[in-house]
N, C-alpha and C. Protein backbone atom coordinates (compact mmCIF):
# COMPACT_ATOMS: atom_id res chain seq x y z
N MET A 1 10.32 13.06 -11.84
CA MET A 1 11.08 12.90 -10.45
C MET A 1 12.45 13.38 -10.51
N SER A 2 12.75 14.38 -9.54
CA SER A 2 14.18 14.86 -9.56
C SER A 2 15.04 14.26 -8.50
N ALA A 3 16.21 14.10 -8.86
CA ALA A 3 17.25 13.73 -7.84
C ALA A 3 18.20 14.76 -7.35
N THR A 4 18.65 14.57 -6.31
CA THR A 4 19.80 15.65 -5.92
C THR A 4 21.18 14.76 -5.49
N VAL A 5 22.16 15.20 -6.03
CA VAL A 5 23.54 14.71 -5.77
C VAL A 5 23.91 15.31 -4.51
N LEU A 6 24.43 14.74 -3.42
CA LEU A 6 24.98 15.22 -2.30
C LEU A 6 26.62 15.17 -2.58
N SER A 7 27.29 16.41 -2.27
CA SER A 7 28.73 16.42 -2.74
C SER A 7 29.35 16.37 -1.28
N ASP A 8 28.78 16.71 -0.27
CA ASP A 8 29.36 16.54 1.10
C ASP A 8 29.33 15.06 1.66
N SER A 9 30.43 14.51 2.14
CA SER A 9 30.25 13.33 2.74
C SER A 9 29.58 13.30 4.14
N MET A 10 28.89 12.46 4.45
CA MET A 10 28.25 12.39 5.71
C MET A 10 28.40 10.94 6.40
N ALA A 11 28.67 10.92 7.58
CA ALA A 11 28.57 9.51 8.30
C ALA A 11 27.31 9.25 8.73
N MET A 12 26.77 8.22 8.51
CA MET A 12 25.44 7.81 9.08
C MET A 12 25.54 6.46 9.80
N THR A 13 25.09 6.26 11.06
CA THR A 13 24.84 5.04 11.76
C THR A 13 23.50 4.78 11.72
N ASN A 14 23.29 3.42 11.36
CA ASN A 14 21.98 2.92 11.24
C ASN A 14 21.82 1.80 12.22
N PRO A 15 21.40 1.99 13.21
CA PRO A 15 20.83 0.87 14.31
C PRO A 15 19.81 -0.09 13.56
N GLU A 16 19.86 -1.37 13.94
CA GLU A 16 19.03 -2.21 13.30
C GLU A 16 17.54 -1.58 13.07
N SER A 17 17.09 -1.62 11.61
CA SER A 17 15.89 -1.38 11.19
C SER A 17 15.41 0.17 11.69
N GLN A 18 16.10 0.93 12.32
CA GLN A 18 15.74 2.33 12.69
C GLN A 18 16.06 3.24 11.67
N PRO A 19 15.05 4.07 11.27
CA PRO A 19 15.35 4.98 10.19
C PRO A 19 16.33 6.03 10.58
N THR A 20 17.22 6.49 9.43
CA THR A 20 18.13 7.65 9.83
C THR A 20 17.44 8.73 8.75
N THR A 21 17.20 9.92 9.34
CA THR A 21 16.45 10.96 8.80
C THR A 21 17.64 11.81 8.10
N ILE A 22 17.41 12.35 6.92
CA ILE A 22 18.19 13.54 6.22
C ILE A 22 17.29 14.37 5.39
N GLU A 23 17.55 15.60 5.74
CA GLU A 23 16.73 16.60 4.96
C GLU A 23 17.78 17.22 3.93
N ILE A 24 17.34 17.28 2.80
CA ILE A 24 18.21 17.77 1.49
C ILE A 24 17.58 19.11 1.17
N GLY A 25 18.39 20.11 1.62
CA GLY A 25 18.17 21.58 1.12
C GLY A 25 16.63 21.79 0.94
N GLY A 26 15.68 21.81 1.93
CA GLY A 26 14.33 22.22 1.77
C GLY A 26 13.50 21.19 1.01
N GLN A 27 14.03 20.11 0.53
CA GLN A 27 13.18 19.18 -0.12
C GLN A 27 12.88 18.18 1.11
N SER A 28 11.70 17.43 0.72
CA SER A 28 10.95 16.43 1.60
C SER A 28 12.08 15.64 2.31
N GLU A 29 11.94 15.39 3.54
CA GLU A 29 13.03 14.62 4.26
C GLU A 29 12.87 13.08 3.79
N VAL A 30 14.09 12.61 3.61
CA VAL A 30 14.29 11.07 3.37
C VAL A 30 14.79 10.19 4.46
N GLU A 31 14.32 9.20 4.67
CA GLU A 31 14.88 8.21 5.90
C GLU A 31 15.32 7.11 5.28
N PHE A 32 16.40 6.51 5.84
CA PHE A 32 17.01 5.39 5.43
C PHE A 32 16.36 4.12 6.34
N ALA A 33 15.85 3.24 5.90
CA ALA A 33 15.25 2.01 6.62
C ALA A 33 15.75 0.64 6.28
N LYS A 34 16.12 0.01 7.10
CA LYS A 34 16.72 -1.37 6.83
C LYS A 34 15.63 -2.51 6.98
N CYS A 35 15.54 -3.35 6.01
CA CYS A 35 14.65 -4.50 5.96
C CYS A 35 14.87 -5.28 7.12
N ASP A 36 13.69 -5.61 7.76
CA ASP A 36 13.95 -6.49 8.96
C ASP A 36 14.12 -8.09 8.64
N CYS A 37 13.97 -8.53 7.30
CA CYS A 37 13.99 -9.70 6.83
C CYS A 37 15.45 -10.00 6.20
N CYS A 38 15.90 -9.13 5.01
CA CYS A 38 17.00 -9.45 4.38
C CYS A 38 18.10 -8.45 4.55
N GLY A 39 17.67 -7.27 5.18
CA GLY A 39 18.79 -6.30 5.54
C GLY A 39 19.02 -5.26 4.71
N LEU A 40 18.24 -5.25 3.53
CA LEU A 40 18.42 -4.10 2.33
C LEU A 40 18.01 -2.86 2.94
N THR A 41 18.75 -1.80 2.78
CA THR A 41 18.53 -0.46 3.09
C THR A 41 17.79 0.15 1.98
N GLU A 42 16.80 0.96 2.26
CA GLU A 42 16.15 1.85 1.22
C GLU A 42 15.84 3.11 1.76
N GLU A 43 15.83 4.15 0.76
CA GLU A 43 15.46 5.46 1.09
C GLU A 43 13.81 5.74 0.87
N CYS A 44 13.42 6.18 1.92
CA CYS A 44 11.83 6.36 1.89
C CYS A 44 11.47 7.43 2.76
N THR A 45 10.25 8.02 2.06
CA THR A 45 9.49 9.12 2.86
C THR A 45 9.11 8.43 4.38
N PRO A 46 9.03 9.44 5.55
CA PRO A 46 8.41 8.88 6.70
C PRO A 46 6.84 8.45 6.66
N ALA A 47 6.15 9.02 5.65
CA ALA A 47 5.02 8.60 5.48
C ALA A 47 4.83 7.06 4.73
N TYR A 48 5.74 6.87 3.94
CA TYR A 48 5.59 5.52 3.14
C TYR A 48 6.07 4.50 4.48
N ILE A 49 7.15 4.98 5.19
CA ILE A 49 7.59 3.79 6.08
C ILE A 49 6.53 3.52 7.21
N ALA A 50 5.66 4.56 7.60
CA ALA A 50 4.64 4.41 8.56
C ALA A 50 3.59 3.53 7.89
N ARG A 51 3.25 3.73 6.63
CA ARG A 51 2.25 2.68 5.92
C ARG A 51 2.79 1.25 5.77
N ILE A 52 3.89 1.01 5.71
CA ILE A 52 4.62 -0.28 5.56
C ILE A 52 4.72 -0.89 6.96
N ARG A 53 4.95 -0.18 7.91
CA ARG A 53 5.00 -0.60 9.48
C ARG A 53 3.71 -0.86 9.91
N GLU A 54 2.78 -0.15 9.43
CA GLU A 54 1.22 -0.48 9.77
C GLU A 54 0.79 -1.64 8.98
N ARG A 55 1.25 -1.99 7.86
CA ARG A 55 0.88 -3.13 7.13
C ARG A 55 1.52 -4.47 7.83
N TYR A 56 2.63 -4.37 8.26
CA TYR A 56 3.57 -5.59 8.61
C TYR A 56 3.80 -5.48 10.12
N GLN A 57 2.84 -5.26 10.73
CA GLN A 57 2.81 -5.37 12.37
C GLN A 57 4.14 -4.55 12.87
N GLY A 58 4.35 -3.33 12.48
CA GLY A 58 5.40 -2.61 13.00
C GLY A 58 6.88 -2.89 12.52
N ARG A 59 6.87 -3.76 11.62
CA ARG A 59 8.30 -4.22 10.98
C ARG A 59 8.32 -3.47 9.66
N TRP A 60 9.67 -3.01 9.22
CA TRP A 60 10.00 -2.36 8.10
C TRP A 60 10.24 -3.69 7.07
N ILE A 61 9.67 -3.77 5.89
CA ILE A 61 9.91 -4.69 4.86
C ILE A 61 10.24 -4.00 3.59
N CYS A 62 11.20 -4.47 3.00
CA CYS A 62 11.44 -3.92 1.68
C CYS A 62 10.40 -4.39 0.68
N GLY A 63 10.40 -3.91 -0.59
CA GLY A 63 9.61 -4.42 -1.53
C GLY A 63 9.73 -5.67 -1.97
N LEU A 64 10.96 -6.13 -2.13
CA LEU A 64 11.11 -7.54 -2.65
C LEU A 64 10.43 -8.41 -1.44
N CYS A 65 10.78 -8.24 -0.26
CA CYS A 65 10.30 -9.06 0.89
C CYS A 65 8.92 -9.16 0.79
N ALA A 66 8.19 -7.93 0.68
CA ALA A 66 6.76 -7.73 0.72
C ALA A 66 6.28 -8.66 -0.35
N GLU A 67 6.87 -8.72 -1.73
CA GLU A 67 6.31 -9.52 -2.81
C GLU A 67 6.47 -11.03 -2.38
N ALA A 68 7.62 -11.53 -1.73
CA ALA A 68 7.74 -12.78 -1.22
C ALA A 68 6.61 -13.22 -0.23
N VAL A 69 6.32 -12.29 0.80
CA VAL A 69 5.33 -12.39 1.64
C VAL A 69 4.08 -12.67 0.96
N LYS A 70 3.73 -11.99 -0.10
CA LYS A 70 2.37 -12.05 -0.72
C LYS A 70 2.31 -13.35 -1.48
N ASP A 71 3.65 -13.81 -2.04
CA ASP A 71 3.60 -15.22 -2.70
C ASP A 71 3.48 -16.30 -1.87
N GLU A 72 3.97 -16.18 -0.53
CA GLU A 72 3.81 -17.08 0.59
C GLU A 72 2.40 -17.53 0.73
N ILE A 73 1.54 -16.36 0.89
CA ILE A 73 0.12 -16.24 1.19
C ILE A 73 -0.45 -17.14 -0.01
N VAL A 74 -0.13 -16.82 -1.19
CA VAL A 74 -0.94 -17.51 -2.25
C VAL A 74 -0.47 -18.86 -2.44
N ARG A 75 0.80 -19.25 -2.25
CA ARG A 75 1.50 -20.67 -2.18
C ARG A 75 0.87 -21.57 -1.10
N SER A 76 0.61 -20.91 0.05
CA SER A 76 0.11 -21.81 1.13
C SER A 76 -1.26 -22.57 0.81
N GLU A 77 -1.14 -23.92 1.25
CA GLU A 77 -2.45 -24.65 0.98
C GLU A 77 -3.60 -24.44 1.93
N ARG A 78 -3.44 -23.68 2.77
CA ARG A 78 -4.52 -23.29 3.57
C ARG A 78 -4.31 -21.69 3.71
N LEU A 79 -5.50 -21.03 4.07
CA LEU A 79 -5.66 -19.80 4.37
C LEU A 79 -4.75 -19.15 5.62
N ILE A 80 -3.70 -18.43 5.30
CA ILE A 80 -2.93 -17.93 6.34
C ILE A 80 -2.97 -16.39 6.30
N SER A 81 -2.38 -16.03 7.54
CA SER A 81 -2.60 -14.41 7.74
C SER A 81 -1.40 -13.81 7.16
N THR A 82 -1.27 -12.51 6.89
CA THR A 82 0.01 -11.78 6.57
C THR A 82 0.94 -11.99 7.46
N GLU A 83 0.64 -11.88 8.87
CA GLU A 83 1.71 -12.18 9.94
C GLU A 83 2.18 -13.53 9.74
N GLU A 84 1.49 -14.62 9.68
CA GLU A 84 2.10 -15.93 9.41
C GLU A 84 2.99 -16.03 8.27
N ALA A 85 2.50 -15.48 7.11
CA ALA A 85 3.56 -15.36 5.97
C ALA A 85 4.74 -14.53 6.20
N LEU A 86 4.65 -13.59 6.96
CA LEU A 86 5.70 -12.84 7.29
C LEU A 86 6.56 -13.44 8.14
N ASN A 87 6.04 -14.21 9.10
CA ASN A 87 7.05 -15.03 9.88
C ASN A 87 7.72 -15.94 9.27
N ARG A 88 6.99 -16.76 8.32
CA ARG A 88 7.68 -17.81 7.58
C ARG A 88 8.79 -17.07 6.60
N HIS A 89 8.62 -16.07 6.00
CA HIS A 89 9.55 -15.41 5.24
C HIS A 89 10.62 -14.98 5.93
N MET A 90 10.38 -14.56 7.08
CA MET A 90 11.54 -13.93 8.00
C MET A 90 12.35 -15.25 8.55
N ASN A 91 11.83 -16.56 8.70
CA ASN A 91 12.42 -17.61 9.06
C ASN A 91 13.32 -17.99 7.81
N PHE A 92 12.96 -17.99 6.64
CA PHE A 92 13.63 -18.40 5.52
C PHE A 92 14.83 -17.57 5.33
N CYS A 93 14.68 -16.19 5.49
CA CYS A 93 15.77 -15.30 5.43
C CYS A 93 16.88 -15.59 6.53
N LYS A 94 16.37 -15.82 7.82
CA LYS A 94 17.28 -16.14 8.82
C LYS A 94 18.09 -17.41 8.41
N LYS A 95 17.38 -18.26 8.00
CA LYS A 95 18.04 -19.58 7.73
C LYS A 95 19.28 -19.26 6.68
N PHE A 96 18.88 -18.54 5.58
CA PHE A 96 19.50 -18.35 4.40
C PHE A 96 20.73 -17.45 4.92
N ARG A 97 20.71 -16.54 5.67
CA ARG A 97 21.92 -15.71 6.43
C ARG A 97 22.76 -16.50 7.12
N SER A 98 22.17 -17.48 8.02
CA SER A 98 23.13 -17.98 8.79
C SER A 98 23.70 -19.45 8.36
N SER A 99 23.53 -19.61 7.10
CA SER A 99 23.79 -20.72 6.46
C SER A 99 25.30 -20.58 5.99
N THR A 100 26.23 -21.54 5.94
CA THR A 100 27.42 -21.39 5.49
C THR A 100 27.56 -21.72 4.03
N PRO A 101 28.68 -21.23 3.22
CA PRO A 101 28.69 -21.57 1.62
C PRO A 101 28.69 -23.07 1.59
N PRO A 102 28.18 -23.40 0.53
CA PRO A 102 28.24 -24.91 0.21
C PRO A 102 29.63 -25.44 -0.04
N SER A 103 29.82 -26.67 0.34
CA SER A 103 31.10 -27.20 0.10
C SER A 103 31.41 -27.52 -1.31
N ASN A 104 30.35 -27.91 -2.15
CA ASN A 104 30.19 -28.08 -3.53
C ASN A 104 29.05 -27.19 -4.18
N PRO A 105 29.67 -26.13 -4.70
CA PRO A 105 28.79 -25.13 -5.34
C PRO A 105 27.88 -25.79 -6.48
N THR A 106 28.59 -26.72 -7.31
CA THR A 106 27.73 -26.94 -8.41
C THR A 106 26.47 -28.01 -7.92
N GLU A 107 26.95 -28.81 -7.02
CA GLU A 107 25.77 -29.67 -6.36
C GLU A 107 24.73 -28.93 -5.59
N HIS A 108 25.23 -27.86 -4.91
CA HIS A 108 24.20 -26.88 -4.34
C HIS A 108 23.31 -26.20 -5.32
N LEU A 109 23.90 -25.73 -6.57
CA LEU A 109 23.10 -25.15 -7.61
C LEU A 109 22.12 -26.16 -8.11
N ILE A 110 22.43 -27.47 -8.38
CA ILE A 110 21.52 -28.43 -8.93
C ILE A 110 20.43 -28.78 -7.88
N SER A 111 20.78 -28.94 -6.55
CA SER A 111 19.84 -29.00 -5.54
C SER A 111 18.71 -27.98 -5.54
N ALA A 112 19.39 -26.52 -5.53
CA ALA A 112 18.51 -25.48 -5.34
C ALA A 112 17.37 -25.53 -6.70
N MET A 113 17.90 -25.89 -7.80
CA MET A 113 17.19 -25.83 -9.07
C MET A 113 16.11 -26.88 -8.81
N ARG A 114 16.36 -28.06 -8.25
CA ARG A 114 15.52 -29.11 -8.09
C ARG A 114 14.33 -28.73 -7.13
N GLN A 115 14.69 -27.99 -6.15
CA GLN A 115 13.74 -27.61 -5.15
C GLN A 115 12.86 -26.50 -5.83
N LEU A 116 13.42 -25.69 -6.47
CA LEU A 116 12.75 -24.55 -7.20
C LEU A 116 11.58 -25.19 -8.25
N LEU A 117 12.04 -26.25 -8.85
CA LEU A 117 11.19 -26.89 -9.95
C LEU A 117 10.13 -27.62 -9.34
N ARG A 118 10.29 -28.17 -8.26
CA ARG A 118 9.38 -28.93 -7.17
C ARG A 118 8.32 -28.00 -6.69
N ARG A 119 8.85 -26.86 -6.14
CA ARG A 119 7.91 -25.82 -5.69
C ARG A 119 6.92 -25.37 -6.79
N SER A 120 7.45 -25.01 -7.96
CA SER A 120 6.74 -24.53 -8.97
C SER A 120 5.70 -25.62 -9.48
N LEU A 121 6.05 -26.85 -9.56
CA LEU A 121 5.07 -27.89 -9.90
C LEU A 121 4.03 -28.03 -8.94
N ASP A 122 4.28 -27.75 -7.54
CA ASP A 122 3.35 -28.16 -6.45
C ASP A 122 2.44 -26.89 -6.13
N SER A 123 2.85 -25.80 -6.56
CA SER A 123 1.93 -24.51 -6.45
C SER A 123 0.75 -24.71 -7.20
N PRO A 124 -0.37 -24.22 -6.52
CA PRO A 124 -1.60 -23.93 -7.18
C PRO A 124 -1.61 -23.18 -8.38
N ARG A 125 -2.35 -23.64 -9.47
CA ARG A 125 -2.42 -22.88 -10.70
C ARG A 125 -3.82 -22.14 -10.74
N ALA A 126 -3.69 -20.97 -11.23
CA ALA A 126 -5.18 -20.25 -11.36
C ALA A 126 -5.92 -20.93 -12.66
N LEU A 127 -7.07 -21.49 -12.29
CA LEU A 127 -7.95 -21.86 -13.17
C LEU A 127 -8.55 -21.02 -14.17
N ARG A 128 -8.50 -21.27 -15.53
CA ARG A 128 -9.03 -20.34 -16.41
C ARG A 128 -10.44 -21.00 -16.94
N SER A 129 -11.22 -20.04 -17.43
CA SER A 129 -12.58 -20.62 -17.91
C SER A 129 -12.36 -20.79 -19.52
N THR A 130 -11.45 -20.03 -20.17
CA THR A 130 -11.08 -20.39 -21.55
C THR A 130 -9.61 -20.57 -21.39
N PRO A 131 -9.04 -21.09 -22.38
CA PRO A 131 -7.62 -21.39 -22.63
C PRO A 131 -7.00 -20.16 -22.94
N SER A 132 -5.91 -19.86 -22.73
CA SER A 132 -5.31 -18.36 -23.15
C SER A 132 -5.12 -18.37 -24.74
N SER A 133 -4.95 -19.48 -25.31
CA SER A 133 -4.85 -19.40 -26.95
C SER A 133 -5.90 -20.45 -27.29
N PRO A 134 -7.15 -20.17 -27.58
CA PRO A 134 -8.22 -20.83 -28.17
C PRO A 134 -7.84 -21.46 -29.40
N LEU A 135 -8.33 -22.63 -29.50
CA LEU A 135 -7.85 -23.36 -30.73
C LEU A 135 -8.97 -22.94 -31.85
N ARG A 136 -8.52 -22.95 -33.14
CA ARG A 136 -9.28 -22.57 -34.01
C ARG A 136 -10.15 -23.90 -34.73
N LYS A 137 -11.09 -23.59 -35.38
CA LYS A 137 -11.87 -24.68 -36.09
C LYS A 137 -10.75 -25.23 -37.20
N GLU A 138 -11.06 -26.53 -37.55
CA GLU A 138 -10.10 -27.01 -38.74
C GLU A 138 -10.27 -26.38 -39.87
N SER A 139 -11.33 -25.74 -40.24
CA SER A 139 -11.49 -24.99 -41.45
C SER A 139 -10.71 -23.75 -41.63
N GLU A 140 -10.53 -23.14 -40.33
CA GLU A 140 -9.68 -21.72 -40.10
C GLU A 140 -8.20 -21.97 -40.11
N VAL A 141 -7.68 -23.18 -39.96
CA VAL A 141 -6.42 -23.57 -39.72
C VAL A 141 -5.67 -23.34 -41.11
N ARG A 142 -4.68 -22.50 -41.06
CA ARG A 142 -4.01 -22.11 -42.40
C ARG A 142 -2.57 -22.56 -42.26
N PRO A 143 -1.81 -23.20 -43.25
CA PRO A 143 -0.43 -23.43 -43.12
C PRO A 143 0.53 -22.28 -42.84
N PRO A 144 1.67 -22.56 -42.43
CA PRO A 144 2.50 -21.25 -42.09
C PRO A 144 2.87 -20.68 -43.51
N SER A 145 2.86 -19.40 -43.49
CA SER A 145 3.29 -18.54 -44.53
C SER A 145 4.41 -18.77 -45.17
N LEU A 146 5.48 -19.13 -44.26
CA LEU A 146 6.86 -19.32 -44.72
C LEU A 146 7.14 -20.78 -44.43
N ALA A 147 7.23 -21.46 -45.65
CA ALA A 147 7.41 -22.88 -45.34
C ALA A 147 8.95 -23.11 -45.95
N ARG A 148 9.58 -23.75 -45.00
CA ARG A 148 11.15 -24.29 -45.19
C ARG A 148 11.18 -25.52 -46.14
N SER A 149 11.90 -25.20 -47.17
CA SER A 149 11.95 -26.15 -48.37
C SER A 149 13.54 -27.10 -48.16
N GLU A 150 14.42 -26.54 -47.37
CA GLU A 150 15.71 -27.29 -47.18
C GLU A 150 16.39 -26.50 -45.94
N SER A 151 17.38 -27.10 -45.54
CA SER A 151 18.08 -26.51 -44.44
C SER A 151 18.76 -25.28 -44.88
N CYS A 152 18.96 -24.42 -43.79
CA CYS A 152 19.50 -23.15 -44.11
C CYS A 152 21.02 -23.22 -43.86
N PHE A 153 21.47 -24.37 -43.29
CA PHE A 153 22.99 -24.43 -43.27
C PHE A 153 23.50 -25.00 -44.53
N PRO A 154 24.82 -24.58 -44.99
CA PRO A 154 25.31 -25.00 -46.23
C PRO A 154 25.72 -26.57 -46.09
N SER A 155 25.99 -27.41 -47.11
CA SER A 155 26.28 -28.66 -46.95
C SER A 155 27.82 -28.73 -46.66
N LEU A 156 28.15 -29.55 -45.74
CA LEU A 156 29.38 -29.56 -45.34
C LEU A 156 30.33 -30.78 -46.04
N ALA A 157 29.45 -31.49 -46.83
CA ALA A 157 30.23 -32.62 -47.52
C ALA A 157 31.28 -32.16 -48.61
N GLY A 158 31.16 -30.93 -48.95
CA GLY A 158 32.06 -30.36 -49.83
C GLY A 158 32.10 -30.59 -51.27
């Protein structure tokens, strides 16, 4: 994949999530599209933008938000549509952008980590028919090849 460096400066106005088209010296045209969820702007071809908008009910969604929507579908306790998962994610992004900075960043970080841990413990796990690392028979179990005889730290007693 080749990249072209533009040396001329150009002003681009980008109304809400409307693509801005740029043609680069005979190469395929590139459009800048702004994510309807998080506001990230990406360079994409018009065909790619059309496919994404078709998939997400006419909305432009960046790759990161698309993954979050897929995760929302998987995490849901009941079967939900892509549209419902997208609405949930958009509401989450809207709440995040409209929130004010925390008064105590340390407590906020601890609270966010707690919530993340609870979510990860509550999310359904994929069931496996066999464990990822099957146990060996007792006759096959070998002791480690490098056994530690003493500490690798020198004695500080002097």
